Amino acid sequence: MHYRLHGHERWNAIRVIKWGLHLSEPESTPVKPALDFQIRPSGDSDLPAIEALLQPYVAAKKLLKRTRQELLNLMENGFVAVVLANDEEQKVIGFSAVEIYSRKLSEIQCLAVADGYQGHGIGSELVRKCVERAREHGVLEVMAISASDNFLRNLGFDYSLPDQKRALFYQLKTREQLARE
């Protein structure tokens, strides 16, 4: 699928209400110049570019460090955002994956968009593709753990599903401890 999105156009006609997910229009979105990009399933050949894309986020402790095998596993249900770098070469500018735990639960993982490309709706489209993939697999719920609450809430994620219990977490290791392993 090819996207040319700008301003609020990316939200037109995107309203999905199913399994507690509701994609809706945000209150305000800064308008940036149009950007031609494509979202496609990730492939093994994308691994070096995905590692390079994620590295600054891992260094800033915004994302967890993943082994090559962990990334390859995630890439089975992952998507990349690409732009044409020259006549035919694609440059990876975004990545996200959905990890499917069971028919009941999946999780958005490794959402990242390269500096200079943020604010064009790329992250939103990556999340949407991950939600679609979970739906294709018949998953009931998609969760996302993030420091960007407003971004995810604007895409229909909420702290709990209606009439459901809330998820609570118990931290066994800090990110610093995990990074030292």
N, C-alpha and C. Protein backbone atom coordinates (compact mmCIF):
# COMPACT_ATOMS: atom_id res chain seq x y z
N MET A 1 0.84 -1.17 0.00
CA MET A 1 0.00 0.00 0.00
C MET A 1 0.88 1.23 0.00
N HIS A 2 0.53 2.24 -0.75
CA HIS A 2 1.30 3.47 -0.89
C HIS A 2 0.52 4.60 -0.22
N TYR A 3 1.20 5.44 0.54
CA TYR A 3 0.56 6.53 1.27
C TYR A 3 1.13 7.87 0.84
N ARG A 4 0.28 8.82 0.68
CA ARG A 4 0.68 10.22 0.54
C ARG A 4 -0.26 10.96 1.46
N LEU A 5 0.21 11.21 2.67
CA LEU A 5 -0.65 11.72 3.73
C LEU A 5 -0.17 13.08 4.18
N HIS A 6 -1.10 13.94 4.51
CA HIS A 6 -0.73 15.19 5.14
C HIS A 6 -1.90 15.67 5.97
N GLY A 7 -1.53 16.38 7.07
CA GLY A 7 -2.53 16.92 7.96
C GLY A 7 -3.51 15.88 8.45
N HIS A 8 -4.78 16.28 8.51
CA HIS A 8 -5.83 15.40 9.02
C HIS A 8 -6.31 14.39 7.99
N GLU A 9 -5.82 14.46 6.73
CA GLU A 9 -6.27 13.52 5.70
C GLU A 9 -6.00 12.08 6.10
N ARG A 10 -4.92 11.86 6.86
CA ARG A 10 -4.59 10.48 7.22
C ARG A 10 -5.64 9.87 8.13
N TRP A 11 -6.47 10.70 8.72
CA TRP A 11 -7.48 10.17 9.64
C TRP A 11 -8.84 10.00 8.98
N ASN A 12 -9.02 10.56 7.79
CA ASN A 12 -10.31 10.45 7.13
C ASN A 12 -10.65 9.00 6.89
N ALA A 13 -11.83 8.63 7.25
CA ALA A 13 -12.38 7.29 7.02
C ALA A 13 -11.64 6.18 7.77
N ILE A 14 -10.77 6.53 8.71
CA ILE A 14 -10.12 5.48 9.51
C ILE A 14 -10.84 5.43 10.85
N ARG A 15 -11.80 4.60 10.94
CA ARG A 15 -12.52 4.41 12.20
C ARG A 15 -12.81 2.92 12.33
N VAL A 16 -12.13 2.30 13.24
CA VAL A 16 -12.29 0.87 13.44
C VAL A 16 -12.69 0.65 14.89
N ILE A 17 -13.83 0.04 15.10
CA ILE A 17 -14.23 -0.31 16.45
C ILE A 17 -14.42 -1.82 16.48
N LYS A 18 -13.48 -2.49 17.10
CA LYS A 18 -13.55 -3.94 17.19
C LYS A 18 -12.56 -4.37 18.25
N TRP A 19 -12.93 -5.24 19.09
CA TRP A 19 -12.06 -5.79 20.12
C TRP A 19 -11.44 -4.69 20.98
N GLY A 20 -12.20 -3.64 21.25
CA GLY A 20 -11.69 -2.58 22.11
C GLY A 20 -10.78 -1.60 21.41
N LEU A 21 -10.62 -1.70 20.10
CA LEU A 21 -9.74 -0.79 19.38
C LEU A 21 -10.59 0.21 18.62
N HIS A 22 -10.22 1.45 18.68
CA HIS A 22 -10.98 2.50 18.01
C HIS A 22 -9.98 3.52 17.49
N LEU A 23 -9.81 3.59 16.18
CA LEU A 23 -8.91 4.57 15.60
C LEU A 23 -9.74 5.82 15.31
N SER A 24 -9.32 6.94 15.86
CA SER A 24 -10.11 8.15 15.70
C SER A 24 -9.21 9.34 15.44
N GLU A 25 -9.83 10.47 15.13
CA GLU A 25 -9.08 11.68 14.80
C GLU A 25 -8.53 12.33 16.07
N PRO A 26 -7.26 12.70 16.08
CA PRO A 26 -6.70 13.39 17.24
C PRO A 26 -7.25 14.81 17.33
N GLU A 27 -7.12 15.42 18.52
CA GLU A 27 -7.62 16.77 18.70
C GLU A 27 -6.89 17.77 17.81
N SER A 28 -5.58 17.68 17.73
CA SER A 28 -4.85 18.58 16.84
C SER A 28 -3.60 17.87 16.34
N THR A 29 -3.34 18.00 15.08
CA THR A 29 -2.16 17.40 14.46
C THR A 29 -1.44 18.49 13.68
N PRO A 30 -0.15 18.71 13.98
CA PRO A 30 0.57 19.71 13.20
C PRO A 30 0.63 19.30 11.73
N VAL A 31 0.44 20.27 10.85
CA VAL A 31 0.47 19.98 9.42
C VAL A 31 1.91 20.10 8.94
N LYS A 32 2.39 19.04 8.32
CA LYS A 32 3.74 19.03 7.75
C LYS A 32 3.59 18.79 6.26
N PRO A 33 4.63 19.11 5.50
CA PRO A 33 4.56 18.85 4.06
C PRO A 33 4.30 17.37 3.79
N ALA A 34 3.64 17.10 2.69
CA ALA A 34 3.32 15.72 2.32
C ALA A 34 4.61 14.92 2.16
N LEU A 35 4.53 13.65 2.51
CA LEU A 35 5.68 12.76 2.41
C LEU A 35 5.21 11.47 1.75
N ASP A 36 5.85 11.07 0.68
CA ASP A 36 5.55 9.80 0.03
C ASP A 36 6.29 8.69 0.74
N PHE A 37 5.53 7.75 1.30
CA PHE A 37 6.14 6.59 1.93
C PHE A 37 5.25 5.38 1.72
N GLN A 38 5.85 4.23 1.90
CA GLN A 38 5.12 2.97 1.78
C GLN A 38 5.28 2.18 3.07
N ILE A 39 4.26 1.44 3.42
CA ILE A 39 4.32 0.49 4.52
C ILE A 39 4.25 -0.89 3.88
N ARG A 40 5.19 -1.76 4.23
CA ARG A 40 5.18 -3.12 3.68
C ARG A 40 5.64 -4.08 4.77
N PRO A 41 5.32 -5.36 4.61
CA PRO A 41 5.82 -6.34 5.59
C PRO A 41 7.35 -6.34 5.60
N SER A 42 7.92 -6.51 6.77
CA SER A 42 9.38 -6.55 6.88
C SER A 42 9.88 -7.92 6.41
N GLY A 43 11.08 -7.91 5.85
CA GLY A 43 11.72 -9.13 5.39
C GLY A 43 13.11 -9.25 5.99
N ASP A 44 13.69 -10.43 5.90
CA ASP A 44 15.01 -10.68 6.49
C ASP A 44 16.06 -9.67 6.01
N SER A 45 15.95 -9.23 4.76
CA SER A 45 16.94 -8.28 4.23
C SER A 45 16.84 -6.91 4.89
N ASP A 46 15.74 -6.64 5.60
CA ASP A 46 15.57 -5.36 6.30
C ASP A 46 16.28 -5.33 7.65
N LEU A 47 16.77 -6.47 8.12
CA LEU A 47 17.33 -6.55 9.47
C LEU A 47 18.41 -5.50 9.75
N PRO A 48 19.43 -5.33 8.91
CA PRO A 48 20.46 -4.31 9.22
C PRO A 48 19.87 -2.90 9.34
N ALA A 49 18.95 -2.55 8.48
CA ALA A 49 18.34 -1.22 8.53
C ALA A 49 17.48 -1.06 9.78
N ILE A 50 16.77 -2.11 10.16
CA ILE A 50 15.94 -2.06 11.36
C ILE A 50 16.82 -1.92 12.60
N GLU A 51 17.92 -2.68 12.65
CA GLU A 51 18.85 -2.56 13.78
C GLU A 51 19.38 -1.13 13.88
N ALA A 52 19.75 -0.54 12.76
CA ALA A 52 20.27 0.83 12.75
C ALA A 52 19.20 1.83 13.18
N LEU A 53 17.97 1.61 12.75
CA LEU A 53 16.85 2.49 13.13
C LEU A 53 16.59 2.43 14.63
N LEU A 54 16.61 1.23 15.20
CA LEU A 54 16.28 1.05 16.62
C LEU A 54 17.41 1.47 17.55
N GLN A 55 18.66 1.43 17.08
CA GLN A 55 19.82 1.68 17.93
C GLN A 55 19.73 2.98 18.75
N PRO A 56 19.39 4.13 18.15
CA PRO A 56 19.31 5.35 18.97
C PRO A 56 18.24 5.27 20.06
N TYR A 57 17.16 4.57 19.79
CA TYR A 57 16.09 4.42 20.77
C TYR A 57 16.52 3.50 21.91
N VAL A 58 17.30 2.48 21.58
CA VAL A 58 17.84 1.58 22.60
C VAL A 58 18.85 2.35 23.46
N ALA A 59 19.72 3.12 22.81
CA ALA A 59 20.73 3.91 23.54
C ALA A 59 20.06 4.92 24.49
N ALA A 60 18.93 5.49 24.07
CA ALA A 60 18.20 6.45 24.90
C ALA A 60 17.28 5.76 25.90
N LYS A 61 17.29 4.42 25.91
CA LYS A 61 16.46 3.60 26.81
C LYS A 61 14.97 3.81 26.58
N LYS A 62 14.63 4.11 25.34
CA LYS A 62 13.22 4.22 24.97
C LYS A 62 12.68 2.89 24.47
N LEU A 63 13.59 2.04 23.97
CA LEU A 63 13.23 0.68 23.54
C LEU A 63 14.21 -0.30 24.16
N LEU A 64 13.74 -1.52 24.37
CA LEU A 64 14.61 -2.56 24.89
C LEU A 64 15.53 -3.08 23.79
N LYS A 65 16.74 -3.44 24.18
CA LYS A 65 17.68 -4.04 23.24
C LYS A 65 17.18 -5.43 22.87
N ARG A 66 17.27 -5.75 21.60
CA ARG A 66 16.83 -7.06 21.10
C ARG A 66 18.01 -7.76 20.45
N THR A 67 18.05 -9.07 20.59
CA THR A 67 19.05 -9.83 19.85
C THR A 67 18.60 -9.90 18.39
N ARG A 68 19.52 -10.30 17.53
CA ARG A 68 19.17 -10.46 16.11
C ARG A 68 18.05 -11.47 15.96
N GLN A 69 18.11 -12.56 16.73
CA GLN A 69 17.07 -13.59 16.63
C GLN A 69 15.72 -13.06 17.11
N GLU A 70 15.73 -12.28 18.18
CA GLU A 70 14.48 -11.70 18.66
C GLU A 70 13.88 -10.78 17.60
N LEU A 71 14.72 -9.97 16.97
CA LEU A 71 14.22 -9.09 15.90
C LEU A 71 13.69 -9.90 14.73
N LEU A 72 14.40 -10.94 14.32
CA LEU A 72 13.92 -11.78 13.22
C LEU A 72 12.57 -12.39 13.56
N ASN A 73 12.40 -12.82 14.81
CA ASN A 73 11.11 -13.38 15.23
C ASN A 73 10.01 -12.32 15.15
N LEU A 74 10.31 -11.11 15.63
CA LEU A 74 9.32 -10.02 15.58
C LEU A 74 8.98 -9.65 14.14
N MET A 75 9.99 -9.72 13.28
CA MET A 75 9.79 -9.30 11.89
C MET A 75 8.80 -10.19 11.14
N GLU A 76 8.51 -11.37 11.66
CA GLU A 76 7.52 -12.24 11.02
C GLU A 76 6.15 -11.57 10.98
N ASN A 77 5.85 -10.74 11.98
CA ASN A 77 4.61 -9.96 12.01
C ASN A 77 4.95 -8.48 12.13
N GLY A 78 5.99 -8.07 11.39
CA GLY A 78 6.44 -6.69 11.44
C GLY A 78 6.26 -5.98 10.12
N PHE A 79 6.36 -4.66 10.20
CA PHE A 79 6.18 -3.80 9.03
C PHE A 79 7.25 -2.72 9.05
N VAL A 80 7.70 -2.35 7.86
CA VAL A 80 8.63 -1.24 7.72
C VAL A 80 7.96 -0.14 6.91
N ALA A 81 8.33 1.10 7.24
CA ALA A 81 7.96 2.25 6.43
C ALA A 81 9.19 2.60 5.62
N VAL A 82 9.01 2.81 4.33
CA VAL A 82 10.14 3.09 3.45
C VAL A 82 9.84 4.29 2.56
N VAL A 83 10.91 4.98 2.18
CA VAL A 83 10.86 6.03 1.16
C VAL A 83 11.90 5.64 0.12
N LEU A 84 11.75 6.16 -1.07
CA LEU A 84 12.74 5.91 -2.11
C LEU A 84 13.95 6.80 -1.85
N ALA A 85 15.11 6.17 -1.65
CA ALA A 85 16.35 6.93 -1.40
C ALA A 85 16.94 7.44 -2.70
N ASN A 86 16.82 6.66 -3.76
CA ASN A 86 17.21 7.08 -5.10
C ASN A 86 16.23 6.41 -6.06
N ASP A 87 16.60 6.18 -7.28
CA ASP A 87 15.65 5.66 -8.26
C ASP A 87 14.91 4.41 -7.82
N GLU A 88 15.61 3.45 -7.23
CA GLU A 88 14.96 2.19 -6.88
C GLU A 88 15.23 1.72 -5.46
N GLU A 89 16.22 2.26 -4.80
CA GLU A 89 16.59 1.79 -3.46
C GLU A 89 15.63 2.36 -2.42
N GLN A 90 15.13 1.47 -1.55
CA GLN A 90 14.24 1.89 -0.48
C GLN A 90 15.03 2.14 0.79
N LYS A 91 14.69 3.23 1.49
CA LYS A 91 15.31 3.55 2.76
C LYS A 91 14.29 3.29 3.87
N VAL A 92 14.65 2.46 4.85
CA VAL A 92 13.76 2.15 5.98
C VAL A 92 13.75 3.34 6.92
N ILE A 93 12.56 3.89 7.16
CA ILE A 93 12.42 5.05 8.05
C ILE A 93 11.52 4.77 9.25
N GLY A 94 10.95 3.55 9.29
CA GLY A 94 10.10 3.20 10.42
C GLY A 94 9.94 1.70 10.53
N PHE A 95 9.62 1.25 11.73
CA PHE A 95 9.41 -0.18 11.98
C PHE A 95 8.48 -0.35 13.16
N SER A 96 7.67 -1.38 13.09
CA SER A 96 6.88 -1.84 14.22
C SER A 96 6.48 -3.27 13.95
N ALA A 97 6.21 -3.99 15.02
CA ALA A 97 5.77 -5.38 14.91
C ALA A 97 4.69 -5.64 15.93
N VAL A 98 3.92 -6.67 15.67
CA VAL A 98 2.95 -7.13 16.65
C VAL A 98 3.37 -8.54 17.06
N GLU A 99 3.60 -8.70 18.35
CA GLU A 99 3.95 -10.03 18.88
C GLU A 99 2.65 -10.68 19.33
N ILE A 100 2.35 -11.82 18.76
CA ILE A 100 1.09 -12.51 19.05
C ILE A 100 1.38 -13.58 20.10
N TYR A 101 0.83 -13.36 21.29
CA TYR A 101 1.04 -14.29 22.39
C TYR A 101 0.04 -15.44 22.36
N SER A 102 -1.20 -15.13 22.00
CA SER A 102 -2.26 -16.13 21.98
C SER A 102 -3.43 -15.56 21.17
N ARG A 103 -4.50 -16.31 21.07
CA ARG A 103 -5.69 -15.78 20.39
C ARG A 103 -6.31 -14.64 21.18
N LYS A 104 -5.98 -14.55 22.44
CA LYS A 104 -6.53 -13.50 23.28
C LYS A 104 -5.70 -12.22 23.25
N LEU A 105 -4.36 -12.33 23.19
CA LEU A 105 -3.54 -11.15 23.43
C LEU A 105 -2.34 -11.05 22.48
N SER A 106 -2.11 -9.83 22.01
CA SER A 106 -0.91 -9.51 21.24
C SER A 106 -0.40 -8.14 21.73
N GLU A 107 0.84 -7.81 21.33
CA GLU A 107 1.43 -6.56 21.80
C GLU A 107 2.18 -5.87 20.67
N ILE A 108 2.01 -4.55 20.57
CA ILE A 108 2.78 -3.74 19.64
C ILE A 108 4.20 -3.65 20.20
N GLN A 109 5.19 -3.94 19.36
CA GLN A 109 6.59 -3.95 19.79
C GLN A 109 7.44 -3.07 18.87
N CYS A 110 8.47 -2.48 19.43
CA CYS A 110 9.54 -1.79 18.68
C CYS A 110 9.06 -0.70 17.73
N LEU A 111 8.06 0.05 18.09
CA LEU A 111 7.61 1.14 17.22
C LEU A 111 8.66 2.23 17.22
N ALA A 112 9.19 2.53 16.03
CA ALA A 112 10.21 3.57 15.88
C ALA A 112 10.10 4.21 14.51
N VAL A 113 10.26 5.52 14.48
CA VAL A 113 10.30 6.28 13.23
C VAL A 113 11.55 7.15 13.29
N ALA A 114 12.31 7.15 12.22
CA ALA A 114 13.58 7.89 12.16
C ALA A 114 13.37 9.39 12.36
N ASP A 115 14.35 10.01 13.01
CA ASP A 115 14.33 11.47 13.15
C ASP A 115 14.20 12.09 11.76
N GLY A 116 13.48 13.18 11.68
CA GLY A 116 13.28 13.85 10.41
C GLY A 116 12.05 13.35 9.66
N TYR A 117 11.51 12.21 10.09
CA TYR A 117 10.33 11.65 9.43
C TYR A 117 9.14 11.57 10.39
N GLN A 118 9.33 12.00 11.62
CA GLN A 118 8.24 11.96 12.59
C GLN A 118 7.25 13.08 12.30
N GLY A 119 6.00 12.85 12.67
CA GLY A 119 4.97 13.86 12.47
C GLY A 119 4.28 13.78 11.12
N HIS A 120 4.56 12.74 10.35
CA HIS A 120 3.94 12.56 9.04
C HIS A 120 2.91 11.43 9.03
N GLY A 121 2.60 10.88 10.20
CA GLY A 121 1.62 9.80 10.27
C GLY A 121 2.20 8.41 10.06
N ILE A 122 3.52 8.30 9.99
CA ILE A 122 4.16 7.00 9.74
C ILE A 122 3.94 6.06 10.91
N GLY A 123 4.16 6.53 12.13
CA GLY A 123 3.95 5.70 13.32
C GLY A 123 2.52 5.23 13.42
N SER A 124 1.58 6.13 13.13
CA SER A 124 0.16 5.75 13.16
C SER A 124 -0.15 4.66 12.16
N GLU A 125 0.40 4.77 10.97
CA GLU A 125 0.15 3.75 9.94
C GLU A 125 0.80 2.42 10.30
N LEU A 126 1.98 2.47 10.91
CA LEU A 126 2.62 1.23 11.36
C LEU A 126 1.78 0.54 12.43
N VAL A 127 1.27 1.30 13.38
CA VAL A 127 0.41 0.72 14.42
C VAL A 127 -0.85 0.14 13.78
N ARG A 128 -1.44 0.88 12.85
CA ARG A 128 -2.66 0.39 12.19
C ARG A 128 -2.40 -0.94 11.49
N LYS A 129 -1.26 -1.06 10.80
CA LYS A 129 -0.93 -2.32 10.12
C LYS A 129 -0.76 -3.46 11.14
N CYS A 130 -0.15 -3.16 12.28
CA CYS A 130 0.01 -4.19 13.31
C CYS A 130 -1.34 -4.63 13.86
N VAL A 131 -2.24 -3.68 14.08
CA VAL A 131 -3.58 -4.01 14.55
C VAL A 131 -4.30 -4.87 13.51
N GLU A 132 -4.17 -4.51 12.24
CA GLU A 132 -4.78 -5.31 11.16
C GLU A 132 -4.23 -6.73 11.16
N ARG A 133 -2.90 -6.88 11.36
CA ARG A 133 -2.29 -8.22 11.37
C ARG A 133 -2.85 -9.04 12.54
N ALA A 134 -2.97 -8.42 13.71
CA ALA A 134 -3.54 -9.13 14.86
C ALA A 134 -4.98 -9.56 14.55
N ARG A 135 -5.72 -8.68 13.93
CA ARG A 135 -7.11 -9.00 13.55
C ARG A 135 -7.14 -10.18 12.59
N GLU A 136 -6.23 -10.20 11.61
CA GLU A 136 -6.16 -11.31 10.65
C GLU A 136 -5.91 -12.64 11.36
N HIS A 137 -5.19 -12.59 12.47
CA HIS A 137 -4.90 -13.80 13.24
C HIS A 137 -6.00 -14.11 14.26
N GLY A 138 -7.06 -13.33 14.28
CA GLY A 138 -8.17 -13.58 15.17
C GLY A 138 -7.90 -13.23 16.62
N VAL A 139 -6.94 -12.34 16.86
CA VAL A 139 -6.58 -11.96 18.23
C VAL A 139 -7.67 -11.06 18.80
N LEU A 140 -7.96 -11.26 20.08
CA LEU A 140 -9.02 -10.50 20.75
C LEU A 140 -8.57 -9.09 21.17
N GLU A 141 -7.36 -8.97 21.71
CA GLU A 141 -6.90 -7.70 22.24
C GLU A 141 -5.46 -7.41 21.82
N VAL A 142 -5.19 -6.14 21.59
CA VAL A 142 -3.84 -5.67 21.28
C VAL A 142 -3.45 -4.68 22.37
N MET A 143 -2.30 -4.91 22.98
CA MET A 143 -1.83 -3.95 23.99
C MET A 143 -0.56 -3.28 23.49
N ALA A 144 -0.27 -2.13 24.08
CA ALA A 144 0.94 -1.39 23.76
C ALA A 144 1.45 -0.77 25.04
N ILE A 145 2.74 -0.90 25.28
CA ILE A 145 3.38 -0.28 26.44
C ILE A 145 4.25 0.84 25.90
N SER A 146 3.99 2.06 26.35
CA SER A 146 4.68 3.21 25.77
C SER A 146 4.69 4.38 26.73
N ALA A 147 5.65 5.27 26.52
CA ALA A 147 5.67 6.54 27.24
C ALA A 147 4.87 7.59 26.48
N SER A 148 4.38 7.24 25.30
CA SER A 148 3.63 8.18 24.45
C SER A 148 2.14 7.90 24.56
N ASP A 149 1.60 8.15 25.74
CA ASP A 149 0.19 7.84 25.99
C ASP A 149 -0.75 8.50 24.99
N ASN A 150 -0.57 9.80 24.76
CA ASN A 150 -1.50 10.53 23.88
C ASN A 150 -1.50 9.96 22.47
N PHE A 151 -0.32 9.62 21.96
CA PHE A 151 -0.22 9.03 20.63
C PHE A 151 -1.09 7.78 20.54
N LEU A 152 -0.93 6.89 21.50
CA LEU A 152 -1.70 5.63 21.47
C LEU A 152 -3.17 5.85 21.76
N ARG A 153 -3.48 6.75 22.66
CA ARG A 153 -4.90 7.03 22.96
C ARG A 153 -5.59 7.60 21.71
N ASN A 154 -4.88 8.42 20.94
CA ASN A 154 -5.44 8.95 19.70
C ASN A 154 -5.70 7.86 18.67
N LEU A 155 -5.05 6.72 18.82
CA LEU A 155 -5.26 5.58 17.93
C LEU A 155 -6.27 4.59 18.50
N GLY A 156 -6.90 4.94 19.62
CA GLY A 156 -7.95 4.10 20.17
C GLY A 156 -7.54 3.21 21.32
N PHE A 157 -6.27 3.22 21.69
CA PHE A 157 -5.85 2.43 22.83
C PHE A 157 -6.28 3.14 24.10
N ASP A 158 -6.59 2.37 25.13
CA ASP A 158 -6.98 2.95 26.40
C ASP A 158 -6.31 2.16 27.52
N TYR A 159 -6.40 2.69 28.72
CA TYR A 159 -5.74 2.03 29.85
C TYR A 159 -6.38 0.70 30.20
N SER A 160 -7.62 0.53 29.88
CA SER A 160 -8.29 -0.76 30.06
C SER A 160 -9.46 -0.80 29.10
N LEU A 161 -9.88 -2.00 28.82
CA LEU A 161 -11.04 -2.17 27.96
C LEU A 161 -12.29 -1.99 28.80
N PRO A 162 -13.39 -1.58 28.20
CA PRO A 162 -14.62 -1.40 28.98
C PRO A 162 -14.98 -2.66 29.74
N ASP A 163 -15.35 -2.49 31.01
CA ASP A 163 -15.77 -3.59 31.88
C ASP A 163 -14.71 -4.66 32.05
N GLN A 164 -13.44 -4.31 31.91
CA GLN A 164 -12.36 -5.27 32.06
C GLN A 164 -11.45 -4.87 33.21
N LYS A 165 -10.68 -5.82 33.67
CA LYS A 165 -9.67 -5.55 34.69
C LYS A 165 -8.51 -4.79 34.06
N ARG A 166 -7.73 -4.11 34.87
CA ARG A 166 -6.56 -3.38 34.38
C ARG A 166 -5.32 -4.26 34.49
N ALA A 167 -4.37 -4.03 33.62
CA ALA A 167 -3.10 -4.74 33.67
C ALA A 167 -2.18 -4.04 34.66
N LEU A 168 -1.57 -4.80 35.52
CA LEU A 168 -0.59 -4.30 36.47
C LEU A 168 0.72 -5.03 36.21
N PHE A 169 1.82 -4.37 36.49
CA PHE A 169 3.12 -4.95 36.19
C PHE A 169 3.99 -5.01 37.44
N TYR A 170 4.82 -6.02 37.50
CA TYR A 170 5.80 -6.17 38.56
C TYR A 170 7.16 -6.25 37.89
N GLN A 171 8.03 -5.30 38.17
CA GLN A 171 9.32 -5.23 37.49
C GLN A 171 10.33 -6.13 38.19
N LEU A 172 10.86 -7.11 37.45
CA LEU A 172 11.85 -8.03 37.96
C LEU A 172 13.27 -7.52 37.76
N LYS A 173 13.49 -6.74 36.70
CA LYS A 173 14.80 -6.17 36.40
C LYS A 173 14.58 -4.76 35.85
N THR A 174 15.56 -3.90 36.10
CA THR A 174 15.50 -2.57 35.49
C THR A 174 16.06 -2.68 34.07
N ARG A 175 15.82 -1.67 33.26
CA ARG A 175 16.36 -1.64 31.92
C ARG A 175 17.89 -1.64 31.95
N GLU A 176 18.46 -0.97 32.96
CA GLU A 176 19.92 -0.94 33.09
C GLU A 176 20.47 -2.35 33.35
N GLN A 177 19.79 -3.11 34.23
CA GLN A 177 20.23 -4.48 34.50
C GLN A 177 20.12 -5.33 33.25
N LEU A 178 19.06 -5.17 32.51
CA LEU A 178 18.87 -5.95 31.29
C LEU A 178 19.93 -5.60 30.25
N ALA A 179 20.28 -4.32 30.16
CA ALA A 179 21.28 -3.88 29.19
C ALA A 179 22.67 -4.44 29.52
N ARG A 180 22.96 -4.66 30.79
CA ARG A 180 24.26 -5.20 31.19
C ARG A 180 24.38 -6.69 30.94
N GLU A 181 23.28 -7.37 30.72
CA GLU A 181 23.32 -8.83 30.50
C GLU A 181 23.81 -9.18 29.13
